[in-house]
N, C-alpha and C. Protein backbone atom coordinates (compact mmCIF):
# COMPACT_ATOMS: atom_id res chain seq x y z
N UNK A 1 -12.12 -39.38 -36.62
CA UNK A 1 -11.54 -37.36 -36.51
C UNK A 1 -12.56 -36.67 -35.19
N UNK A 2 -14.02 -37.35 -35.54
CA UNK A 2 -15.23 -36.33 -34.75
C UNK A 2 -15.19 -36.56 -33.16
N UNK A 3 -14.55 -38.07 -33.24
CA UNK A 3 -14.12 -38.44 -31.29
C UNK A 3 -13.41 -37.66 -31.22
N UNK A 4 -12.23 -37.11 -31.70
CA UNK A 4 -11.09 -36.69 -31.45
C UNK A 4 -11.58 -35.34 -30.82
N UNK A 5 -11.99 -34.44 -32.00
CA UNK A 5 -12.43 -33.14 -31.91
C UNK A 5 -13.66 -33.11 -30.63
N UNK A 6 -14.76 -34.01 -30.43
CA UNK A 6 -15.38 -33.94 -28.90
C UNK A 6 -14.84 -34.39 -28.00
N UNK A 7 -13.45 -35.16 -27.98
CA UNK A 7 -12.60 -35.52 -26.87
C UNK A 7 -11.89 -34.32 -26.66
N UNK A 8 -11.41 -33.59 -27.40
CA UNK A 8 -10.70 -32.25 -27.34
C UNK A 8 -12.02 -31.18 -26.70
N UNK A 9 -12.80 -31.02 -27.21
CA UNK A 9 -14.18 -30.18 -27.07
C UNK A 9 -13.86 -30.69 -25.33
N UNK A 10 -14.57 -31.84 -24.78
CA UNK A 10 -14.46 -31.87 -23.54
C UNK A 10 -13.79 -31.75 -22.47
N UNK A 11 -12.42 -32.15 -23.06
CA UNK A 11 -11.48 -31.70 -22.11
C UNK A 11 -11.27 -30.10 -21.89
N UNK A 12 -11.84 -29.31 -23.23
CA UNK A 12 -11.53 -28.02 -22.60
C UNK A 12 -12.19 -27.35 -22.13
N UNK A 13 -14.15 -28.13 -22.47
CA UNK A 13 -14.99 -27.83 -21.02
C UNK A 13 -14.83 -27.90 -19.97
N UNK A 14 -14.02 -29.29 -19.15
CA UNK A 14 -13.49 -29.32 -18.31
C UNK A 14 -12.69 -28.42 -17.26
N UNK A 15 -11.67 -28.40 -18.59
CA UNK A 15 -10.77 -27.06 -18.10
C UNK A 15 -11.41 -25.53 -17.70
N UNK A 16 -12.39 -25.41 -18.56
CA UNK A 16 -13.30 -24.09 -18.17
C UNK A 16 -14.11 -24.22 -17.01
N UNK A 17 -14.42 -25.46 -16.79
CA UNK A 17 -15.28 -25.58 -15.58
C UNK A 17 -14.62 -25.46 -14.45
N UNK A 18 -13.20 -25.97 -14.18
CA UNK A 18 -12.60 -26.28 -13.20
C UNK A 18 -12.09 -24.49 -12.78
N UNK A 19 -11.83 -23.86 -13.97
CA UNK A 19 -11.37 -22.12 -13.73
C UNK A 19 -12.80 -21.47 -13.61
N UNK A 20 -13.83 -21.94 -13.80
CA UNK A 20 -14.99 -20.81 -13.22
C UNK A 20 -15.52 -21.39 -12.03
N UNK A 21 -15.00 -22.19 -11.67
CA UNK A 21 -15.34 -23.21 -10.39
C UNK A 21 -14.18 -22.41 -9.59
N UNK A 22 -13.03 -22.49 -9.38
CA UNK A 22 -12.15 -21.29 -8.66
C UNK A 22 -12.26 -20.20 -9.10
N UNK A 23 -12.68 -19.95 -10.03
CA UNK A 23 -13.06 -17.63 -9.78
C UNK A 23 -14.24 -17.61 -8.95
N UNK A 24 -15.26 -18.84 -8.95
CA UNK A 24 -16.31 -18.46 -8.04
C UNK A 24 -15.92 -18.42 -6.99
N UNK A 25 -14.99 -19.53 -6.52
CA UNK A 25 -14.42 -19.87 -4.69
C UNK A 25 -13.50 -18.67 -4.67
N UNK A 26 -13.15 -18.10 -5.78
CA UNK A 26 -12.13 -16.37 -5.27
C UNK A 26 -13.51 -15.37 -4.92
N UNK A 27 -14.47 -15.34 -5.75
CA UNK A 27 -15.29 -14.20 -5.54
C UNK A 27 -15.99 -14.47 -4.37
N UNK A 28 -16.17 -15.99 -3.76
CA UNK A 28 -16.77 -15.95 -2.37
C UNK A 28 -15.77 -15.52 -1.20
N UNK A 29 -14.39 -15.54 -1.55
CA UNK A 29 -13.75 -15.26 -0.61
C UNK A 29 -13.71 -14.08 -0.47
N UNK A 30 -13.48 -13.29 -1.67
CA UNK A 30 -13.72 -11.59 -1.53
C UNK A 30 -14.82 -10.66 -0.74
N UNK A 31 -15.79 -11.69 -1.02
CA UNK A 31 -17.07 -11.33 -0.81
C UNK A 31 -17.10 -11.41 0.92
N UNK A 32 -16.60 -12.45 1.31
CA UNK A 32 -16.27 -12.73 2.83
C UNK A 32 -15.20 -11.46 3.22
N UNK A 33 -14.50 -11.43 2.62
CA UNK A 33 -13.42 -10.48 3.11
C UNK A 33 -13.82 -9.43 2.98
N UNK A 34 -14.34 -8.74 1.99
CA UNK A 34 -15.03 -7.55 2.00
C UNK A 34 -16.13 -7.33 2.93
N UNK A 35 -16.84 -8.16 3.46
CA UNK A 35 -17.86 -7.92 4.49
C UNK A 35 -17.08 -7.43 6.01
N UNK A 36 -16.25 -8.28 5.98
CA UNK A 36 -15.85 -8.48 7.55
C UNK A 36 -14.67 -7.38 7.26
N UNK A 37 -14.06 -6.70 6.21
CA UNK A 37 -13.66 -5.43 5.98
C UNK A 37 -14.66 -4.02 6.41
N UNK A 38 -15.58 -4.50 5.84
CA UNK A 38 -16.77 -3.21 6.52
C UNK A 38 -17.47 -3.04 7.55
N UNK A 39 -17.63 -4.15 8.14
CA UNK A 39 -17.69 -4.35 9.81
C UNK A 39 -16.85 -4.26 10.41
N UNK A 40 -15.56 -4.16 10.12
CA UNK A 40 -14.22 -3.30 10.76
C UNK A 40 -14.21 -2.32 10.83
N UNK A 41 -14.40 -1.76 9.23
CA UNK A 41 -14.44 -0.62 9.18
C UNK A 41 -15.40 0.64 9.82
N UNK A 42 -16.70 -0.19 10.19
CA UNK A 42 -17.87 0.66 10.97
C UNK A 42 -17.44 0.39 12.31
N UNK A 43 -16.66 -0.43 12.81
CA UNK A 43 -16.60 -0.88 14.41
C UNK A 43 -15.52 0.37 14.42
N UNK A 44 -14.62 0.61 13.46
CA UNK A 44 -13.56 1.54 13.76
C UNK A 44 -14.03 2.92 13.57
N UNK A 45 -14.63 2.91 12.54
CA UNK A 45 -15.56 4.64 12.73
C UNK A 45 -16.30 4.83 13.72
N UNK A 46 -17.26 3.88 14.47
CA UNK A 46 -17.69 4.40 15.83
C UNK A 46 -16.80 4.35 16.92
N UNK A 47 -15.72 3.69 16.91
CA UNK A 47 -14.68 4.03 17.93
C UNK A 47 -14.30 5.27 17.77
N UNK A 48 -13.88 5.81 16.25
CA UNK A 48 -13.41 6.86 16.39
C UNK A 48 -14.20 8.01 16.79
N UNK A 49 -15.29 7.95 16.72
CA UNK A 49 -16.48 9.18 17.13
C UNK A 49 -16.47 8.91 18.40
N UNK A 50 -15.92 7.83 19.49
CA UNK A 50 -16.42 7.61 20.78
C UNK A 50 -15.32 8.77 21.03
N UNK A 51 -14.27 8.25 20.42
CA UNK A 51 -12.62 8.91 21.09
C UNK A 51 -12.71 9.95 21.08
N UNK A 52 -13.72 10.56 19.82
CA UNK A 52 -12.83 12.12 19.98
C UNK A 52 -14.36 12.87 20.58
N UNK A 53 -15.27 12.17 20.80
CA UNK A 53 -16.04 12.87 21.98
C UNK A 53 -15.78 12.76 23.13
N UNK A 54 -14.84 11.74 23.80
CA UNK A 54 -14.43 11.78 25.13
C UNK A 54 -13.36 12.77 25.30
N UNK A 55 -12.23 13.35 23.50
CA UNK A 55 -11.20 13.72 23.86
C UNK A 55 -12.19 15.20 23.93
N UNK A 56 -12.78 15.61 23.36
CA UNK A 56 -13.77 17.14 23.87
C UNK A 56 -14.00 17.13 24.74
N UNK A 57 -14.56 16.02 25.71
CA UNK A 57 -14.68 16.43 27.04
C UNK A 57 -13.65 16.48 27.81
N UNK A 58 -12.54 15.58 27.49
CA UNK A 58 -11.27 15.88 28.29
C UNK A 58 -11.02 17.15 28.05
N UNK A 59 -11.00 17.67 26.97
CA UNK A 59 -10.71 19.03 26.34
C UNK A 59 -11.55 20.55 27.19
N UNK A 60 -12.58 19.96 27.03
CA UNK A 60 -13.26 21.15 27.92
C UNK A 60 -13.29 20.96 29.84
N UNK A 61 -12.93 19.59 30.00
CA UNK A 61 -12.73 20.03 31.65
C UNK A 61 -11.50 20.00 32.23
N UNK A 62 -10.28 19.97 30.84
CA UNK A 62 -9.05 20.76 31.29
C UNK A 62 -9.35 22.58 31.15
N UNK A 63 -10.05 23.01 30.25
CA UNK A 63 -10.18 23.92 30.08
C UNK A 63 -10.99 25.18 30.93
N UNK A 64 -11.61 24.22 31.95
CA UNK A 64 -12.29 24.57 33.05
C UNK A 64 -11.71 24.76 34.20
N UNK A 65 -10.40 23.62 33.98
CA UNK A 65 -9.82 23.87 35.64
C UNK A 65 -8.63 24.96 35.08
N UNK A 66 -8.30 25.14 34.14
CA UNK A 66 -7.65 26.47 33.57
C UNK A 66 -8.35 27.44 34.06
N UNK A 67 -9.31 27.30 34.01
CA UNK A 67 -10.17 29.04 34.01
C UNK A 67 -10.22 28.82 35.44
N UNK A 68 -10.61 27.77 36.39
CA UNK A 68 -10.33 27.74 38.06
C UNK A 68 -9.06 28.23 38.66
N UNK A 69 -8.02 27.48 38.25
CA UNK A 69 -6.50 28.13 38.50
C UNK A 69 -6.61 29.82 38.71
N UNK A 70 -7.10 30.05 36.82
CA UNK A 70 -6.90 31.41 36.57
C UNK A 70 -7.18 32.14 37.90
N UNK A 71 -8.46 31.68 38.01
CA UNK A 71 -9.61 32.79 38.77
C UNK A 71 -9.28 32.67 40.11
N UNK A 72 -8.46 31.35 40.61
CA UNK A 72 -7.75 31.61 41.71
C UNK A 72 -6.81 32.12 42.24
N UNK A 73 -5.98 32.55 40.99
CA UNK A 73 -4.43 33.11 41.32
C UNK A 73 -4.99 34.92 40.86
N UNK A 74 -5.80 34.96 40.58
CA UNK A 74 -6.56 36.74 40.33
C UNK A 74 -6.68 37.23 41.97
N UNK A 75 -7.63 35.71 42.53
CA UNK A 75 -8.35 36.42 43.74
C UNK A 75 -7.39 36.25 44.84
N UNK A 76 -5.97 35.86 44.78
CA UNK A 76 -5.06 35.39 45.93
C UNK A 76 -4.73 36.90 46.17
């Protein structure tokens, strides 16, 4: 009877160990994915800031050109 209980206990312990190992693997995968996503987010945030700055520069240049064109029109 005690052997049967020990065998059942060992079986359950092994099953639990496998589940814990699987959980650890999933946690490791999620940490890797999270790290990768954070790096990607940082890169995209940086790219967005750069694009916004370039957009502002282009807008300023276009406004300057429009101003020069209007000045040329008024000068004629």
